[in-house]
Amino acid sequence: MSIIIKVESVTKHYSLGVQTVEALRGISFEVEQGEFIAIMGPSGSGKSTLMNIIGCLDSPTHGTYFLNQQEVSKLDGDELAGIRNKEIGFVFQNFHLLPRNSALDNVMLPLKYAGVSKPEQIKRGKAVLSQVDLDSRMDHHPSELSGGQQQRVAIARALVNNPSILFADEPTGNLDSQTGHDVMELFHDLHKQGQTIILITHENAVAAEAQRTIFIKDGLIESDTTKV
């Protein structure tokens, strides 16, 4: 398997007035293509900061980050946005769907930003909605969908650009236990199809679904375990 993510001695410092906060204090790890990983840690551990860096939403203070053999740790905001749109799909706890847009229009948004033709947007949008079993709900607006269906739309939107990595930040946090289980089953199906998935969670039961768990504490990796 090829290495899709390589993080080397990454630190992240924030200035709060005269105080400097060390959110990450020298983190190194690699992710192989096709892995299903959970990143865990208590509030304030640095896991969200780490996700922002490997999700190309932020840059490290020091250290290097390679995504698909390209060093992205030195790129500016516009360059990071380009990498993000092409390489990364995001799924959030709160879905982040546009309320006045249909499910299909929400899913097509990343393709619109990427300059894909309208017929191709529709074709690919319908294909990923079918992949998440929402063929019959494409024209419905978020308010007409259940929480689980809204999260499936969000997952379809994250998949529409065929990303190298799918990031899921507390993806079951706003769902009841059965719906959360159904969403995790969908992640398992995507993983079986070869999708690399990185899950950010504070729930042990959710993290247990992944093959590998990286536990962050005080800006450092405390443990990195893989299921046998």
Protein backbone atom coordinates (compact mmCIF):
# COMPACT_ATOMS: atom_id res chain seq x y z
CA MET A 1 0.00 0.00 0.00
CA SER A 2 1.20 3.53 -0.72
CA ILE A 3 1.62 6.15 2.01
CA ILE A 4 -1.10 8.76 1.54
CA ILE A 5 -0.35 10.92 4.61
CA LYS A 6 3.06 11.56 6.17
CA VAL A 7 3.25 13.90 9.16
CA GLU A 8 6.73 14.66 10.55
CA SER A 9 7.40 16.56 13.81
CA VAL A 10 4.37 18.81 13.35
CA THR A 11 3.80 21.55 15.92
CA LYS A 12 1.09 24.20 16.09
CA HIS A 13 1.32 27.28 18.31
CA TYR A 14 -1.40 29.89 18.84
CA SER A 15 -0.86 33.33 20.34
CA LEU A 16 -3.47 34.42 22.86
CA GLY A 17 -2.40 37.92 23.78
CA VAL A 18 1.00 37.55 25.48
CA GLN A 19 0.46 33.81 25.96
CA THR A 20 1.49 31.10 23.49
CA VAL A 21 -0.59 27.92 23.43
CA GLU A 22 1.08 24.75 22.11
CA ALA A 23 -1.81 22.83 20.55
CA LEU A 24 0.48 20.24 18.92
CA ARG A 25 3.95 19.51 20.28
CA GLY A 26 5.73 17.43 17.65
CA ILE A 27 3.46 14.80 16.09
CA SER A 28 4.64 12.21 13.56
CA PHE A 29 2.69 9.38 11.90
CA GLU A 30 1.83 7.88 8.52
CA VAL A 31 -1.42 6.72 6.95
CA GLU A 32 -1.54 4.09 4.22
CA GLN A 33 -4.04 4.23 1.40
CA GLY A 34 -7.23 2.37 2.35
CA GLU A 35 -6.82 2.62 6.14
CA PHE A 36 -9.77 3.32 8.46
CA ILE A 37 -8.45 5.36 11.39
CA ALA A 38 -10.04 6.98 14.44
CA ILE A 39 -8.33 9.95 16.07
CA MET A 40 -9.40 10.31 19.71
CA GLY A 41 -8.59 12.58 22.59
CA PRO A 42 -10.20 14.65 25.34
CA SER A 43 -11.35 18.23 24.77
CA GLY A 44 -8.31 20.45 24.27
CA SER A 45 -6.04 17.52 23.37
CA GLY A 46 -5.18 18.89 19.93
CA LYS A 47 -7.18 16.40 17.84
CA SER A 48 -9.23 19.14 16.11
CA THR A 49 -6.05 21.12 15.40
CA LEU A 50 -4.50 18.00 13.92
CA MET A 51 -7.56 17.41 11.73
CA ASN A 52 -7.43 21.00 10.49
CA ILE A 53 -3.80 20.53 9.45
CA ILE A 54 -4.15 17.15 7.75
CA GLY A 55 -7.45 18.35 6.24
CA CYS A 56 -5.57 21.32 4.67
CA LEU A 57 -7.68 23.85 6.60
CA ASP A 58 -4.61 25.16 8.46
CA SER A 59 -0.81 24.99 8.28
CA PRO A 60 1.61 23.78 10.98
CA THR A 61 3.90 26.19 12.82
CA HIS A 62 6.81 23.77 12.32
CA GLY A 63 7.26 20.34 10.77
CA THR A 64 6.22 18.87 7.44
CA TYR A 65 3.07 17.30 6.05
CA PHE A 66 3.00 15.31 2.82
CA LEU A 67 -0.30 14.40 1.16
CA ASN A 68 0.08 11.94 -1.75
CA GLN A 69 3.84 12.69 -1.83
CA GLN A 70 3.23 16.46 -2.14
CA GLU A 71 4.44 18.68 0.69
CA VAL A 72 1.42 20.78 1.60
CA SER A 73 2.68 22.24 4.90
CA LYS A 74 4.21 25.25 3.10
CA LEU A 75 1.29 26.07 0.79
CA ASP A 76 -0.69 29.31 1.08
CA GLY A 77 -4.45 29.54 1.65
CA ASP A 78 -5.47 29.47 -2.03
CA GLU A 79 -3.20 26.52 -2.77
CA LEU A 80 -4.55 24.63 0.26
CA ALA A 81 -8.13 25.30 -0.92
CA GLY A 82 -7.28 23.76 -4.30
CA ILE A 83 -5.79 20.64 -2.67
CA ARG A 84 -8.76 20.41 -0.29
CA ASN A 85 -11.34 20.50 -3.07
CA LYS A 86 -9.51 17.85 -5.09
CA GLU A 87 -8.15 15.47 -2.44
CA ILE A 88 -10.35 15.68 0.67
CA GLY A 89 -13.99 15.09 1.54
CA PHE A 90 -15.37 16.39 4.85
CA VAL A 91 -18.33 15.09 6.87
CA PHE A 92 -19.33 17.14 9.92
CA GLN A 93 -21.47 16.56 12.99
CA ASN A 94 -23.92 19.31 11.97
CA PHE A 95 -24.20 18.24 8.29
CA HIS A 96 -23.63 21.82 6.96
CA LEU A 97 -26.24 21.49 4.20
CA LEU A 98 -27.72 24.56 2.49
CA PRO A 99 -31.39 24.62 3.58
CA ARG A 100 -32.79 26.09 0.35
CA ASN A 101 -30.99 23.58 -1.89
CA SER A 102 -32.19 20.10 -2.77
CA ALA A 103 -30.12 17.07 -1.77
CA LEU A 104 -28.78 16.87 -5.33
CA ASP A 105 -27.85 20.58 -5.42
CA ASN A 106 -26.05 20.25 -2.07
CA VAL A 107 -24.07 17.28 -3.36
CA MET A 108 -23.12 19.05 -6.61
CA LEU A 109 -21.63 22.12 -4.86
CA PRO A 110 -17.98 20.90 -4.76
CA LEU A 111 -18.19 20.08 -8.49
CA LYS A 112 -19.54 23.55 -9.21
CA TYR A 113 -16.56 25.10 -7.38
CA ALA A 114 -14.23 22.79 -9.33
CA GLY A 115 -15.59 24.07 -12.66
CA VAL A 116 -17.18 20.76 -13.70
CA SER A 117 -19.84 21.03 -16.46
CA LYS A 118 -23.50 21.00 -15.35
CA PRO A 119 -24.37 17.68 -17.08
CA GLU A 120 -21.36 16.03 -15.40
CA GLN A 121 -22.33 17.57 -12.03
CA ILE A 122 -25.80 16.03 -12.31
CA LYS A 123 -24.45 12.65 -13.43
CA ARG A 124 -21.91 12.40 -10.61
CA GLY A 125 -24.27 13.87 -8.01
CA LYS A 126 -26.96 11.28 -8.79
CA ALA A 127 -24.37 8.48 -8.75
CA VAL A 128 -23.12 9.24 -5.21
CA LEU A 129 -26.65 9.79 -3.86
CA SER A 130 -27.49 6.36 -5.25
CA GLN A 131 -24.35 5.03 -3.53
CA VAL A 132 -25.72 6.19 -0.14
CA ASP A 133 -29.25 4.83 -0.90
CA LEU A 134 -30.96 8.19 -1.44
CA ASP A 135 -32.09 7.74 -5.06
CA SER A 136 -35.67 8.59 -4.10
CA ARG A 137 -34.82 11.70 -2.05
CA MET A 138 -32.65 13.66 -4.50
CA ASP A 139 -35.16 16.52 -4.91
CA HIS A 140 -35.94 16.85 -1.20
CA HIS A 141 -34.64 19.74 0.87
CA PRO A 142 -32.79 19.16 4.19
CA SER A 143 -35.92 20.04 6.22
CA GLU A 144 -37.75 17.17 4.48
CA LEU A 145 -35.07 14.64 5.45
CA SER A 146 -34.34 12.83 8.71
CA GLY A 147 -31.04 13.41 10.52
CA GLY A 148 -29.62 10.18 9.16
CA GLN A 149 -30.67 11.08 5.62
CA GLN A 150 -29.10 14.54 5.98
CA GLN A 151 -25.83 12.92 7.08
CA ARG A 152 -26.00 10.60 4.05
CA VAL A 153 -26.38 13.65 1.80
CA ALA A 154 -23.33 15.16 3.54
CA ILE A 155 -21.38 11.92 2.95
CA ALA A 156 -22.43 11.90 -0.72
CA ARG A 157 -21.24 15.52 -1.05
CA ALA A 158 -17.90 14.54 0.52
CA LEU A 159 -17.52 11.68 -1.97
CA VAL A 160 -18.55 13.48 -5.16
CA ASN A 161 -15.03 14.64 -6.07
CA ASN A 162 -13.67 11.11 -5.54
CA PRO A 163 -11.36 12.29 -2.71
CA SER A 164 -8.18 10.56 -1.59
CA ILE A 165 -9.30 10.89 2.05
CA LEU A 166 -12.68 11.10 3.73
CA PHE A 167 -12.60 13.02 7.04
CA ALA A 168 -15.53 12.55 9.42
CA ASP A 169 -15.67 14.87 12.45
CA GLU A 170 -18.01 13.38 15.11
CA PRO A 171 -20.28 12.11 12.28
CA THR A 172 -22.77 10.40 14.63
CA GLY A 173 -22.80 13.16 17.27
CA ASN A 174 -26.26 14.48 16.32
CA LEU A 175 -27.86 11.10 15.59
CA ASP A 176 -29.70 8.57 17.72
CA SER A 177 -27.90 5.28 18.34
CA GLN A 178 -29.64 3.26 15.59
CA THR A 179 -29.17 5.98 12.96
CA GLY A 180 -25.56 6.39 14.09
CA HIS A 181 -25.06 2.66 13.64
CA ASP A 182 -26.48 2.87 10.10
CA VAL A 183 -24.11 5.73 9.23
CA MET A 184 -21.14 3.75 10.57
CA GLU A 185 -22.24 0.79 8.41
CA LEU A 186 -22.06 3.13 5.41
CA PHE A 187 -18.49 4.09 6.37
CA HIS A 188 -17.62 0.38 6.57
CA ASP A 189 -19.05 -0.15 3.08
CA LEU A 190 -16.99 2.76 1.73
CA HIS A 191 -13.87 1.39 3.44
CA LYS A 192 -14.44 -2.02 1.82
CA GLN A 193 -14.53 -0.21 -1.53
CA GLY A 194 -11.03 1.14 -0.81
CA GLN A 195 -11.81 4.58 0.63
CA THR A 196 -9.29 5.97 3.15
CA ILE A 197 -11.27 7.23 6.17
CA ILE A 198 -10.14 9.31 9.15
CA LEU A 199 -12.69 9.63 11.92
CA ILE A 200 -12.43 12.27 14.67
CA THR A 201 -14.39 11.21 17.75
CA HIS A 202 -14.47 11.24 21.54
CA GLU A 203 -16.75 8.18 21.68
CA ASN A 204 -15.07 4.84 22.39
CA ALA A 205 -17.87 2.91 20.67
CA VAL A 206 -17.41 4.90 17.45
CA ALA A 207 -13.61 4.65 17.56
CA ALA A 208 -13.92 0.89 18.04
CA GLU A 209 -15.38 0.68 14.51
CA ALA A 210 -12.03 1.72 13.01
CA GLN A 211 -9.06 -0.56 12.30
CA ARG A 212 -6.59 1.76 14.00
CA THR A 213 -6.92 4.31 16.81
CA ILE A 214 -4.56 7.23 17.41
CA PHE A 215 -5.05 8.76 20.86
CA ILE A 216 -3.95 12.39 21.29
CA LYS A 217 -3.31 13.95 24.70
CA ASP A 218 -1.72 17.32 25.50
CA GLY A 219 -0.68 17.82 21.88
CA LEU A 220 1.18 14.51 21.62
CA ILE A 221 0.35 11.00 20.41
CA GLU A 222 -0.16 8.95 23.58
CA SER A 223 -0.94 5.70 21.76
CA ASP A 224 -1.32 4.35 18.23
CA THR A 225 -2.94 0.91 18.13
CA THR A 226 -4.06 -1.32 15.27
CA LYS A 227 -6.56 -4.17 15.59
CA VAL A 228 -5.00 -7.55 14.98
